[in-house]
Amino acid sequence: MIPFWNSCWFNFWSVEYGPGYLDFYFRTVATIILIDMLAIFVVIVLLFQKGRSHYLSRSQRSTAIASDGVYNQAQVQTDEVVPSVPPVAKKVAVEDKTAQTEEVSTSEEAVQTSAPEPAPKPEPVVAAKETVVVEEKVISVTQAPLPQYTETDVLVKSEPIEEEDKKEEEEPQEEEEKHEDVITTEQEAKIMTKTMTLQRTKFRDDITFESGWRKRVKLSDLLSANLITEETIIELETETITVEEVQEQLREYLIGLHPIAGVYNDRSEEKMSLYSAYKAKIISRGTALSLLEAQAATGNIIDPITGDMMCVDDALAQGLLDRSFAAVLTRAERGVTGYVVKGTTETMSLFQAMQAGFIVEKHGIRLLEAQIATGGIIDPVANHRLPVDIAFDRGLFDQRINKILQDPGDDTKGFLDPNTGENLTYLELIERCVEDEDTKLLLLPLVKEQETQLYKEKRLSSKILAERLHSRTSSSSSTRTAD
C-alpha cells in the first residue's frame, strides 16, 4: 500500500534524488500550520469565556437589584408565618435590610442568626425554606459593593445603579461647562466690547501712517514691533480716535527728534544752513559734510531758516547743496531708504550693509549714532524707528556696536565742535546746541572769539546763547514787519 505522503507528493521528484525528496519539508510546514490553528482556537475560547463572565457579572448585578424587592416581600411573609422568631433575630434582619453594603461574612452571620426555629406544622417549614433561599440571594448581592440607603429608601430601588452614577457624574460636568462658558464670555467681552457697541467703519489693513521721511507705514508693522496696542487699533477701526491723533502719539517712532539743522552765528547774529556756513568758511567742509550726513541718515535735509525738510534731490534743486555734497549725502540717505544689492530685490539696513562690507564701519557707526541720538534705529523695510532692544531682535544692531557707542574712543568720535576743535559724539554735540523757538530746530552755536575760552570752560551756557538767539531773531522779525 502506498503511504499517504508518497501518494500526495509522488510527482515531486528529481533525477538526482528520486521521488519523495520533498516529504520532510512539507510535513514540517503542515505541522506548523496545525499548531498555529490550535493556538488561535485556544485564544478564541479564552476570549469568549472572558466576555461571557463579564456579561454574567453585569446580569447578576441587575438580577440581584431586581430580586431585592422579592427579598423584602418574602421576609415580611416569614415574619407573619413564624411569630416565634426571637427579638434578636428580628433586629438583625432589619439591619440587613437597611445596610446592604456590609461584608459577606456579616451577611452570613445575619442569615444564621435570623433563621427561625423549625415549627411542628408543615406550613412554617415551607416558609422557612423559602426564606433561606431568599437570604442566599441577598448574600450574592452583598458580594459587590452597593450604595448605602436609609430605612425609608430600602423599599424604593426601581432605578438601576448605573443610571444613578451617570446622573451624579453628569451634574458636576454640566456645572463645570457652565463655569467655563462664563469665563470665556467674560474674556471675550473685554476684547470685543467696543467692536460690539460701535460700528466698525475701517479695516486695519487700510489704515496707514506717514513717516518723517515721507514713507508709508503700515499698521501691521507697528503692531508686530509692539509699538501700538490692540485696543488702539480697535479705536481706529471704530473711529473713536483719529489717525492724526495716533500719529502724534507715535511721533517718537514715526518721526523722532530733529538732528542738528544748521548754525547760529553769534558773531553776525544770524542763522545759517550748514552748506552756507561752509561756503562762508565759518566751518570746514568735513564738519559741514558730517552734520549733513547725519541729517540724511535720519531722513531729511533741513533748511534752518524756513524749517522745511526735504530729500537730497530736492535740497539740491533748491540750492541747499551742490553736486559734490549731494553725491555723498545720497549714499548716507540709504540708511533710511535701504541698500539694494544689484541683481536682487532684497533691502538691507544700515547695519546689514556694514556687515556686508558696503559701508566702512567707522562711517556706518557715525550714521547709526545719529539715528539712535534722534529717537531710534530706522528700519528701512517697515519705515519707522525701533527701540534698541527690538532692533537687536531684528538683526539691525548687535552688542559689539552698542558697546562702541556706549563707550566711544577718540577714533569713533566723528563730530567736531568748531568752537573748541574737540571731537565729540553726536549726542555730546547736540547737548551744546541751542533751540530756535521759531522753528523748534537745533542750531550749533558759533561763539565770538573773545568768548571762546568761556565756552570751553562751560561758563557760556547754551541757555545764554538761546536767549541771545531769541532776542535777536525777534528784533529782526519786528524790524521786517515795520518795513
Protein backbone atom coordinates (compact mmCIF):
# COMPACT_ATOMS: atom_id res chain seq x y z
CA MET A 1 0.00 0.00 0.00
CA ILE A 2 1.38 3.40 -0.95
CA PRO A 3 1.96 5.72 2.09
CA PHE A 4 -0.16 8.87 2.40
CA TRP A 5 2.68 11.32 1.89
CA ASN A 6 4.01 9.41 -1.11
CA SER A 7 0.56 9.47 -2.69
CA CYS A 8 0.43 13.25 -2.25
CA TRP A 9 3.90 14.23 -3.33
CA PHE A 10 5.00 11.42 -5.65
CA ASN A 11 5.17 13.87 -8.54
CA PHE A 12 7.88 15.91 -6.76
CA TRP A 13 11.00 14.06 -7.73
CA SER A 14 14.24 14.68 -9.48
CA VAL A 15 16.74 12.66 -11.40
CA GLU A 16 19.33 13.13 -8.70
CA TYR A 17 17.26 12.48 -5.55
CA GLY A 18 14.37 10.38 -6.83
CA PRO A 19 10.70 10.56 -5.79
CA GLY A 20 9.60 11.88 -2.41
CA TYR A 21 12.63 14.08 -1.71
CA LEU A 22 10.36 16.96 -0.53
CA ASP A 23 8.39 14.91 2.02
CA PHE A 24 10.28 16.25 5.04
CA TYR A 25 9.75 19.90 4.16
CA PHE A 26 6.03 19.63 3.51
CA ARG A 27 5.48 17.63 6.72
CA THR A 28 7.25 20.36 8.68
CA VAL A 29 5.11 23.13 7.12
CA ALA A 30 1.90 21.16 7.75
CA THR A 31 2.85 20.63 11.40
CA ILE A 32 3.49 24.37 11.94
CA ILE A 33 0.13 25.26 10.36
CA LEU A 34 -1.73 22.81 12.61
CA ILE A 35 -0.03 24.18 15.74
CA ASP A 36 -0.95 27.80 14.76
CA MET A 37 -4.59 26.82 14.16
CA LEU A 38 -4.73 25.12 17.55
CA ALA A 39 -3.27 28.22 19.27
CA ILE A 40 -5.81 30.50 17.55
CA PHE A 41 -8.64 28.22 18.66
CA VAL A 42 -7.45 28.34 22.29
CA VAL A 43 -7.23 32.16 22.22
CA ILE A 44 -10.77 32.43 20.80
CA VAL A 45 -12.13 30.14 23.55
CA LEU A 46 -10.42 32.19 26.27
CA LEU A 47 -11.75 35.47 24.90
CA PHE A 48 -15.25 34.03 24.66
CA GLN A 49 -15.16 32.84 28.27
CA LYS A 50 -13.88 36.20 29.49
CA GLY A 51 -16.64 38.08 27.66
CA ARG A 52 -19.26 35.66 28.93
CA SER A 53 -18.08 36.04 32.55
CA HIS A 54 -18.21 39.84 32.21
CA TYR A 55 -21.72 39.62 30.77
CA LEU A 56 -22.85 37.30 33.56
CA SER A 57 -21.47 39.58 36.26
CA ARG A 58 -23.46 42.54 34.87
CA SER A 59 -26.62 40.41 34.55
CA GLN A 60 -26.23 39.07 38.09
CA ARG A 61 -25.91 42.59 39.38
CA SER A 62 -29.14 43.74 37.72
CA THR A 63 -30.90 40.47 38.77
CA ALA A 64 -29.80 40.99 42.36
CA ILE A 65 -31.21 44.52 42.38
CA ALA A 66 -34.49 43.31 40.92
CA SER A 67 -34.70 40.47 43.44
CA ASP A 68 -34.16 42.85 46.33
CA GLY A 69 -37.85 43.68 46.31
CA VAL A 70 -38.68 39.93 46.32
CA TYR A 71 -36.47 39.51 49.37
CA ASN A 72 -38.35 42.27 51.20
CA GLN A 73 -41.73 40.67 50.42
CA ALA A 74 -40.54 37.16 51.42
CA GLN A 75 -39.13 38.48 54.67
CA VAL A 76 -42.46 40.08 55.52
CA GLN A 77 -44.26 36.78 54.83
CA THR A 78 -41.75 34.91 57.02
CA ASP A 79 -42.35 37.27 59.91
CA GLU A 80 -46.09 36.70 59.63
CA VAL A 81 -45.88 32.89 59.41
CA VAL A 82 -43.27 32.41 62.18
CA PRO A 83 -44.24 34.62 65.07
CA SER A 84 -41.88 32.80 67.44
CA VAL A 85 -38.72 34.38 65.99
CA PRO A 86 -36.58 35.82 68.79
CA PRO A 87 -36.29 39.60 69.13
CA VAL A 88 -32.60 39.43 68.39
CA ALA A 89 -33.23 37.76 65.03
CA LYS A 90 -35.75 40.45 64.07
CA LYS A 91 -33.26 43.17 64.88
CA VAL A 92 -30.57 41.55 62.74
CA ALA A 93 -32.99 41.12 59.83
CA VAL A 94 -33.87 44.84 59.94
CA GLU A 95 -30.20 45.75 59.93
CA ASP A 96 -29.71 43.53 56.86
CA LYS A 97 -32.50 45.36 55.07
CA THR A 98 -31.23 48.88 55.89
CA ALA A 99 -27.49 48.31 55.24
CA GLN A 100 -26.74 46.20 52.18
CA THR A 101 -23.10 47.27 51.87
CA GLU A 102 -21.79 45.08 54.72
CA GLU A 103 -19.22 42.39 54.01
CA VAL A 104 -20.14 38.78 53.04
CA SER A 105 -19.18 37.41 56.45
CA THR A 106 -21.54 39.85 58.19
CA SER A 107 -24.43 38.85 55.88
CA GLU A 108 -23.80 35.16 56.54
CA GLU A 109 -23.92 35.72 60.31
CA ALA A 110 -27.16 37.66 59.85
CA VAL A 111 -28.70 34.72 57.97
CA GLN A 112 -27.66 32.23 60.62
CA THR A 113 -28.89 34.46 63.43
CA SER A 114 -32.22 35.36 61.78
CA ALA A 115 -33.05 31.78 60.71
CA PRO A 116 -36.25 30.77 62.61
CA GLU A 117 -36.54 27.50 64.55
CA PRO A 118 -38.49 24.76 62.69
CA ALA A 119 -42.14 24.61 63.78
CA PRO A 120 -44.09 21.35 64.19
CA LYS A 121 -46.53 22.33 61.48
CA PRO A 122 -45.56 21.78 57.82
CA GLU A 123 -46.52 25.25 56.57
CA PRO A 124 -43.97 27.23 58.60
CA VAL A 125 -41.26 24.82 57.48
CA VAL A 126 -42.01 25.58 53.84
CA ALA A 127 -41.88 29.30 54.54
CA ALA A 128 -38.53 28.93 56.30
CA LYS A 129 -37.06 27.18 53.28
CA GLU A 130 -38.18 29.99 51.04
CA THR A 131 -36.64 32.45 53.45
CA VAL A 132 -33.31 30.68 53.32
CA VAL A 133 -33.34 30.76 49.53
CA VAL A 134 -34.02 34.49 49.54
CA GLU A 135 -31.26 35.05 52.10
CA GLU A 136 -28.80 33.21 49.81
CA LYS A 137 -29.68 35.64 47.05
CA VAL A 138 -29.02 38.52 49.41
CA ILE A 139 -25.58 37.09 50.17
CA SER A 140 -24.73 37.05 46.49
CA VAL A 141 -25.81 40.65 46.20
CA THR A 142 -23.70 41.89 49.10
CA GLN A 143 -20.58 40.47 47.50
CA ALA A 144 -20.47 43.55 45.26
CA PRO A 145 -20.30 46.99 46.98
CA LEU A 146 -23.61 48.83 46.81
CA PRO A 147 -24.52 52.39 47.84
CA GLN A 148 -25.91 52.79 51.35
CA TYR A 149 -29.60 53.51 51.86
CA THR A 150 -31.70 54.63 54.81
CA GLU A 151 -34.69 52.74 56.13
CA THR A 152 -37.06 54.84 54.04
CA ASP A 153 -35.11 54.03 50.87
CA VAL A 154 -34.95 50.25 51.35
CA LEU A 155 -38.18 49.56 49.50
CA VAL A 156 -37.51 52.06 46.71
CA LYS A 157 -34.88 50.61 44.35
CA SER A 158 -36.50 50.65 40.97
CA GLU A 159 -33.74 52.67 39.29
CA PRO A 160 -30.53 50.82 38.30
CA ILE A 161 -27.28 51.84 39.99
CA GLU A 162 -25.63 52.67 36.69
CA GLU A 163 -28.25 55.32 35.89
CA GLU A 164 -27.73 56.95 39.30
CA ASP A 165 -23.97 57.03 38.77
CA LYS A 166 -24.44 58.62 35.36
CA LYS A 167 -26.68 61.31 36.81
CA GLU A 168 -24.14 62.08 39.57
CA GLU A 169 -21.34 62.35 37.00
CA GLU A 170 -23.34 64.48 34.56
CA GLU A 171 -24.33 67.10 37.15
CA PRO A 172 -20.76 68.31 38.03
CA GLN A 173 -19.79 68.16 34.36
CA GLU A 174 -22.68 70.45 33.45
CA GLU A 175 -21.67 72.88 36.24
CA GLU A 176 -18.03 72.93 35.03
CA GLU A 177 -19.13 73.58 31.45
CA LYS A 178 -21.32 76.45 32.57
CA HIS A 179 -18.43 77.93 34.59
CA GLU A 180 -16.04 77.66 31.63
CA ASP A 181 -18.61 79.30 29.37
CA VAL A 182 -18.90 82.20 31.82
CA ILE A 183 -15.10 82.71 31.94
CA THR A 184 -14.77 82.57 28.16
CA THR A 185 -17.63 85.00 27.74
CA GLU A 186 -16.06 87.48 30.19
CA GLN A 187 -12.68 87.35 28.44
CA GLU A 188 -14.22 87.84 25.01
CA ALA A 189 -16.38 90.63 26.33
CA LYS A 190 -13.34 92.61 27.48
CA ILE A 191 -11.80 92.45 24.00
CA MET A 192 -14.92 92.76 21.86
CA THR A 193 -16.97 95.27 23.88
CA LYS A 194 -16.03 98.24 21.73
CA THR A 195 -16.46 96.44 18.42
CA MET A 196 -19.90 95.17 19.52
CA THR A 197 -21.16 98.52 20.76
CA LEU A 198 -19.57 100.60 18.00
CA GLN A 199 -19.78 100.02 14.30
CA ARG A 200 -16.52 99.18 12.57
CA THR A 201 -16.03 101.62 9.71
CA LYS A 202 -12.39 100.90 8.81
CA PHE A 203 -10.25 97.83 8.38
CA ARG A 204 -6.77 97.69 9.86
CA ASP A 205 -5.19 96.80 6.54
CA ASP A 206 -6.43 100.12 5.13
CA ILE A 207 -5.03 102.26 7.97
CA THR A 208 -1.60 103.73 7.31
CA PHE A 209 0.61 106.47 8.70
CA GLU A 210 3.33 108.67 7.24
CA SER A 211 6.88 108.66 8.50
CA GLY A 212 9.01 111.76 8.92
CA TRP A 213 10.81 110.91 5.65
CA ARG A 214 7.55 110.69 3.63
CA LYS A 215 7.19 106.91 3.59
CA ARG A 216 4.03 104.86 4.12
CA VAL A 217 3.91 102.96 7.42
CA LYS A 218 1.54 100.01 7.80
CA LEU A 219 -0.44 99.47 10.95
CA SER A 220 0.50 95.78 10.99
CA ASP A 221 4.23 96.66 11.08
CA LEU A 222 3.71 98.88 14.11
CA LEU A 223 1.76 96.11 15.83
CA SER A 224 4.43 93.48 15.13
CA ALA A 225 7.04 95.80 16.67
CA ASN A 226 4.84 96.26 19.80
CA LEU A 227 4.64 100.00 19.19
CA ILE A 228 0.82 100.09 19.22
CA THR A 229 -1.78 98.19 21.24
CA GLU A 230 -4.73 96.16 20.06
CA GLU A 231 -7.06 98.47 21.96
CA THR A 232 -5.80 101.48 19.99
CA ILE A 233 -6.31 99.58 16.74
CA ILE A 234 -9.95 98.88 17.67
CA GLU A 235 -10.42 102.57 18.40
CA LEU A 236 -9.03 103.39 14.96
CA GLU A 237 -11.32 100.85 13.28
CA THR A 238 -14.38 102.27 15.04
CA GLU A 239 -13.17 105.87 14.55
CA THR A 240 -13.31 106.71 18.23
CA ILE A 241 -9.82 108.12 17.67
CA THR A 242 -8.39 109.66 14.52
CA VAL A 243 -5.31 108.66 12.57
CA GLU A 244 -3.84 112.11 13.21
CA GLU A 245 -4.13 111.65 16.98
CA VAL A 246 -2.39 108.28 16.85
CA GLN A 247 0.22 109.76 14.51
CA GLU A 248 1.05 112.29 17.19
CA GLN A 249 1.19 109.57 19.86
CA LEU A 250 3.65 107.61 17.71
CA ARG A 251 5.74 110.64 16.80
CA GLU A 252 8.77 109.20 18.62
CA TYR A 253 8.86 106.24 16.21
CA LEU A 254 7.39 107.79 13.06
CA ILE A 255 9.44 110.99 13.12
CA GLY A 256 11.74 111.12 16.13
CA LEU A 257 13.78 114.09 17.23
CA HIS A 258 15.26 116.51 14.74
CA PRO A 259 19.02 116.41 14.11
CA ILE A 260 21.29 119.46 14.14
CA ALA A 261 19.63 121.63 11.49
CA GLY A 262 22.11 124.48 10.98
CA VAL A 263 24.36 127.04 12.58
CA TYR A 264 23.68 130.08 14.75
CA ASN A 265 26.47 132.57 14.11
CA ASP A 266 26.66 134.63 17.26
CA ARG A 267 29.27 136.80 15.64
CA SER A 268 26.97 138.02 12.88
CA GLU A 269 23.75 137.35 14.78
CA GLU A 270 22.19 135.18 12.05
CA LYS A 271 21.03 131.67 11.34
CA MET A 272 22.73 129.78 8.53
CA SER A 273 22.45 126.43 6.84
CA LEU A 274 25.41 124.06 7.14
CA TYR A 275 26.24 124.35 3.47
CA SER A 276 26.06 128.18 3.67
CA ALA A 277 28.35 128.16 6.73
CA TYR A 278 30.83 126.05 4.77
CA LYS A 279 30.63 128.39 1.79
CA ALA A 280 31.22 131.35 4.14
CA LYS A 281 34.24 129.48 5.54
CA ILE A 282 32.88 129.57 9.05
CA ILE A 283 33.09 125.79 9.36
CA SER A 284 35.18 123.27 7.48
CA ARG A 285 33.90 121.10 4.68
CA GLY A 286 34.35 117.97 6.82
CA THR A 287 32.29 119.44 9.66
CA ALA A 288 29.52 120.53 7.30
CA LEU A 289 29.52 117.20 5.48
CA SER A 290 29.42 115.05 8.65
CA LEU A 291 26.48 117.04 10.07
CA LEU A 292 24.65 116.91 6.74
CA GLU A 293 25.23 113.14 6.57
CA ALA A 294 23.58 112.87 9.99
CA GLN A 295 20.60 114.76 8.58
CA ALA A 296 20.37 112.50 5.52
CA ALA A 297 20.73 109.32 7.64
CA THR A 298 17.78 110.42 9.78
CA GLY A 299 15.51 111.16 6.82
CA ASN A 300 15.73 114.82 5.79
CA ILE A 301 17.93 117.69 4.69
CA ILE A 302 16.75 120.70 6.71
CA ASP A 303 16.54 124.36 5.81
CA PRO A 304 17.05 126.05 9.22
CA ILE A 305 15.72 129.37 8.00
CA THR A 306 12.27 128.20 6.92
CA GLY A 307 12.11 124.87 8.77
CA ASP A 308 11.42 122.97 5.54
CA MET A 309 12.53 119.33 5.34
CA MET A 310 13.24 117.52 2.10
CA CYS A 311 15.14 114.70 0.44
CA VAL A 312 18.63 115.11 -1.00
CA ASP A 313 17.41 115.63 -4.57
CA ASP A 314 15.01 118.39 -3.54
CA ALA A 315 17.73 120.06 -1.45
CA LEU A 316 19.98 120.05 -4.50
CA ALA A 317 17.20 121.56 -6.60
CA GLN A 318 16.64 124.36 -4.05
CA GLY A 319 20.32 125.27 -3.84
CA LEU A 320 20.93 123.95 -0.31
CA LEU A 321 23.66 121.65 -1.67
CA ASP A 322 25.99 121.31 -4.59
CA ARG A 323 26.50 118.16 -6.63
CA SER A 324 29.59 117.01 -4.76
CA PHE A 325 27.71 117.22 -1.45
CA ALA A 326 24.63 115.56 -2.97
CA ALA A 327 26.66 112.57 -4.20
CA VAL A 328 27.93 111.86 -0.69
CA LEU A 329 24.60 112.54 1.01
CA THR A 330 22.70 110.23 -1.35
CA ARG A 331 24.72 107.30 -0.02
CA ALA A 332 24.03 108.37 3.56
CA GLU A 333 20.32 108.70 2.75
CA ARG A 334 20.21 104.96 2.03
CA GLY A 335 20.47 104.45 5.76
CA VAL A 336 16.77 105.39 5.73
CA THR A 337 15.58 104.05 2.38
CA GLY A 338 17.72 100.90 2.50
CA TYR A 339 20.58 99.46 0.47
CA VAL A 340 19.54 97.33 -2.51
CA VAL A 341 22.08 94.88 -3.91
CA LYS A 342 22.29 94.87 -7.67
CA GLY A 343 20.51 91.94 -9.24
CA THR A 344 18.28 91.32 -6.20
CA THR A 345 15.21 92.85 -4.60
CA GLU A 346 16.47 92.46 -1.04
CA THR A 347 16.64 95.64 1.02
CA MET A 348 19.39 95.83 3.64
CA SER A 349 19.52 98.11 6.64
CA LEU A 350 22.47 100.32 7.52
CA PHE A 351 23.89 97.75 9.93
CA GLN A 352 23.45 94.90 7.46
CA ALA A 353 25.26 96.93 4.79
CA MET A 354 28.12 97.43 7.26
CA GLN A 355 28.31 93.69 7.83
CA ALA A 356 28.28 93.03 4.07
CA GLY A 357 31.16 95.45 3.57
CA PHE A 358 29.25 98.04 1.53
CA ILE A 359 29.99 100.74 4.12
CA VAL A 360 33.15 101.40 6.09
CA GLU A 361 32.43 100.54 9.71
CA LYS A 362 33.66 103.85 11.11
CA HIS A 363 31.43 105.75 8.74
CA GLY A 364 28.45 103.47 9.44
CA ILE A 365 28.86 103.84 13.20
CA ARG A 366 28.64 107.62 12.81
CA LEU A 367 25.33 107.29 10.93
CA LEU A 368 23.91 104.75 13.40
CA GLU A 369 24.88 107.07 16.23
CA ALA A 370 22.88 109.89 14.65
CA GLN A 371 19.81 107.63 14.32
CA ILE A 372 19.98 106.46 17.93
CA ALA A 373 20.52 110.00 19.23
CA THR A 374 17.39 111.22 17.41
CA GLY A 375 14.98 108.52 18.52
CA GLY A 376 15.99 105.04 17.41
CA ILE A 377 17.37 102.88 14.63
CA ILE A 378 15.39 103.17 11.38
CA ASP A 379 14.01 100.02 9.79
CA PRO A 380 14.10 100.69 6.02
CA VAL A 381 11.55 97.94 5.31
CA ALA A 382 8.91 98.94 7.88
CA ASN A 383 9.78 102.68 7.53
CA HIS A 384 9.73 103.54 11.21
CA ARG A 385 12.17 103.78 14.10
CA LEU A 386 12.77 100.96 16.56
CA PRO A 387 13.98 100.89 20.16
CA VAL A 388 17.42 99.35 20.57
CA ASP A 389 16.14 96.10 22.16
CA ILE A 390 13.73 95.41 19.27
CA ALA A 391 16.46 96.35 16.79
CA PHE A 392 18.61 93.63 18.40
CA ASP A 393 15.89 91.06 17.76
CA ARG A 394 15.51 92.08 14.11
CA GLY A 395 19.21 91.98 13.34
CA LEU A 396 19.54 95.74 12.87
CA PHE A 397 22.09 96.11 15.65
CA ASP A 398 24.44 93.99 17.77
CA GLN A 399 26.14 94.13 21.15
CA ARG A 400 29.58 94.97 19.77
CA ILE A 401 28.40 98.14 18.01
CA ASN A 402 26.30 99.04 21.02
CA LYS A 403 29.36 98.75 23.27
CA ILE A 404 31.36 101.02 20.94
CA LEU A 405 28.63 103.65 21.01
CA GLN A 406 28.22 103.49 24.79
CA ASP A 407 31.96 103.77 25.45
CA PRO A 408 33.34 105.65 22.43
CA GLY A 409 37.01 106.34 21.94
CA ASP A 410 38.65 109.21 20.12
CA ASP A 411 38.60 107.19 16.90
CA THR A 412 34.83 106.79 16.98
CA LYS A 413 34.02 110.37 17.97
CA GLY A 414 33.28 111.63 14.49
CA PHE A 415 31.80 115.10 15.05
CA LEU A 416 33.87 118.25 15.52
CA ASP A 417 32.94 121.25 17.64
CA PRO A 418 34.18 124.23 15.56
CA ASN A 419 34.43 126.41 18.67
CA THR A 420 36.91 124.22 20.55
CA GLY A 421 38.22 121.77 17.95
CA GLU A 422 37.13 118.79 20.12
CA ASN A 423 35.99 115.50 18.64
CA LEU A 424 32.65 114.61 20.19
CA THR A 425 29.89 112.09 19.82
CA TYR A 426 26.75 113.25 18.12
CA LEU A 427 24.84 113.24 21.39
CA GLU A 428 27.51 115.38 23.08
CA LEU A 429 27.38 117.88 20.23
CA ILE A 430 23.57 118.03 20.47
CA GLU A 431 23.88 118.99 24.14
CA ARG A 432 25.89 122.06 23.11
CA CYS A 433 23.29 123.26 20.60
CA VAL A 434 20.60 125.87 21.10
CA GLU A 435 16.95 125.59 20.13
CA ASP A 436 15.33 128.09 17.79
CA GLU A 437 11.98 128.99 19.32
CA ASP A 438 10.50 129.83 15.93
CA THR A 439 11.20 126.52 14.21
CA LYS A 440 11.96 124.30 17.27
CA LEU A 441 15.11 123.18 15.46
CA LEU A 442 18.60 122.68 16.93
CA LEU A 443 21.36 125.06 15.85
CA LEU A 444 25.07 124.67 16.51
CA PRO A 445 26.33 127.97 18.01
CA LEU A 446 29.45 129.71 16.73
CA VAL A 447 30.52 131.92 19.60
CA LYS A 448 32.51 135.13 19.40
CA GLU A 449 36.24 134.84 19.51
CA GLN A 450 36.52 136.67 22.85
CA GLU A 451 34.04 134.23 24.38
CA THR A 452 35.74 131.09 23.17
CA GLN A 453 37.52 130.48 26.46
CA LEU A 454 34.28 130.96 28.40
CA TYR A 455 32.65 128.45 26.07
CA LYS A 456 35.42 125.89 26.67
CA GLU A 457 35.12 126.31 30.43
CA LYS A 458 31.34 125.89 30.09
CA ARG A 459 30.71 129.29 31.63
CA LEU A 460 28.92 130.38 28.48
CA SER A 461 25.93 128.10 28.65
CA SER A 462 23.55 127.11 25.91
CA LYS A 463 20.78 128.88 27.80
CA ILE A 464 22.52 132.24 27.44
CA LEU A 465 23.11 131.64 23.74
CA ALA A 466 19.48 130.61 23.26
CA GLU A 467 18.31 133.85 24.88
CA ARG A 468 20.53 135.86 22.53
CA LEU A 469 19.19 133.94 19.55
CA HIS A 470 15.61 134.54 20.59
CA SER A 471 16.07 138.27 21.27
CA ARG A 472 17.91 138.90 18.00
CA THR A 473 15.57 136.86 15.83
CA SER A 474 12.52 138.53 17.40
CA SER A 475 14.01 142.00 16.90
CA SER A 476 14.88 141.22 13.31
CA SER A 477 11.35 139.95 12.64
CA SER A 478 9.83 143.09 14.17
CA THR A 479 12.11 145.24 12.00
CA ARG A 480 10.95 143.41 8.92
CA THR A 481 7.33 143.95 9.95
CA ALA A 482 7.91 147.69 10.39
CA ASP A 483 9.49 147.89 6.96
